């Protein structure tokens, strides 16, 4: 990736998947910084576990 100043930078992109006990994907968080998604992920896990 090259920024607006012409400097080449690397970027890590992650996708998070929540998989239930039956092995099925129940939620996908599309590529973005994981730090911005962590609360959503924790809440989804709690909901899946009935907490």
Protein backbone atom coordinates (compact mmCIF):
# COMPACT_ATOMS: atom_id res chain seq x y z
CA UNK A 1 0.00 0.00 0.00
CA UNK A 2 1.30 3.47 -0.85
CA UNK A 3 0.01 6.47 1.11
CA UNK A 4 -0.70 9.94 -0.28
CA UNK A 5 2.93 10.95 0.28
CA UNK A 6 4.25 8.08 -1.86
CA UNK A 7 5.55 6.15 1.13
CA UNK A 8 5.05 2.40 0.95
CA UNK A 9 3.50 0.91 4.07
CA UNK A 10 2.32 -2.52 5.11
CA UNK A 11 -1.06 -3.06 6.67
CA UNK A 12 -2.46 -6.06 8.49
CA UNK A 13 -6.11 -6.79 7.85
CA UNK A 14 -8.01 -9.39 9.80
CA UNK A 15 -11.37 -11.06 9.54
CA UNK A 16 -12.87 -12.62 12.66
CA UNK A 17 -15.27 -15.56 12.62
CA UNK A 18 -17.55 -16.76 15.42
CA UNK A 19 -18.14 -20.50 15.13
CA UNK A 20 -20.80 -22.25 17.20
CA UNK A 21 -20.49 -25.64 18.92
CA UNK A 22 -21.87 -27.34 15.80
CA UNK A 23 -19.01 -25.94 13.72
CA UNK A 24 -21.12 -23.41 11.85
CA UNK A 25 -20.09 -19.81 11.26
CA UNK A 26 -22.64 -17.64 13.04
CA UNK A 27 -21.01 -14.24 12.58
CA UNK A 28 -18.28 -12.67 10.47
CA UNK A 29 -16.52 -9.39 11.14
CA UNK A 30 -15.15 -8.12 7.83
CA UNK A 31 -11.59 -6.87 7.44
CA UNK A 32 -10.86 -3.98 9.75
CA UNK A 33 -8.78 -3.30 12.80
CA UNK A 34 -9.57 -5.93 15.42
CA UNK A 35 -9.25 -3.29 18.15
CA UNK A 36 -12.37 -1.63 16.75
CA UNK A 37 -14.35 -4.90 16.85
CA UNK A 38 -13.37 -6.49 20.14
CA UNK A 39 -16.44 -5.30 22.10
CA UNK A 40 -18.74 -6.54 19.33
CA UNK A 41 -16.98 -9.91 19.32
CA UNK A 42 -17.19 -10.31 23.10
CA UNK A 43 -20.90 -9.42 23.10
CA UNK A 44 -21.63 -11.89 20.28
CA UNK A 45 -19.83 -14.70 22.15
CA UNK A 46 -21.79 -13.92 25.32
CA UNK A 47 -25.05 -13.93 23.36
CA UNK A 48 -24.17 -17.27 21.76
CA UNK A 49 -23.41 -18.75 25.19
CA UNK A 50 -26.65 -17.34 26.62
CA UNK A 51 -24.89 -15.04 29.05
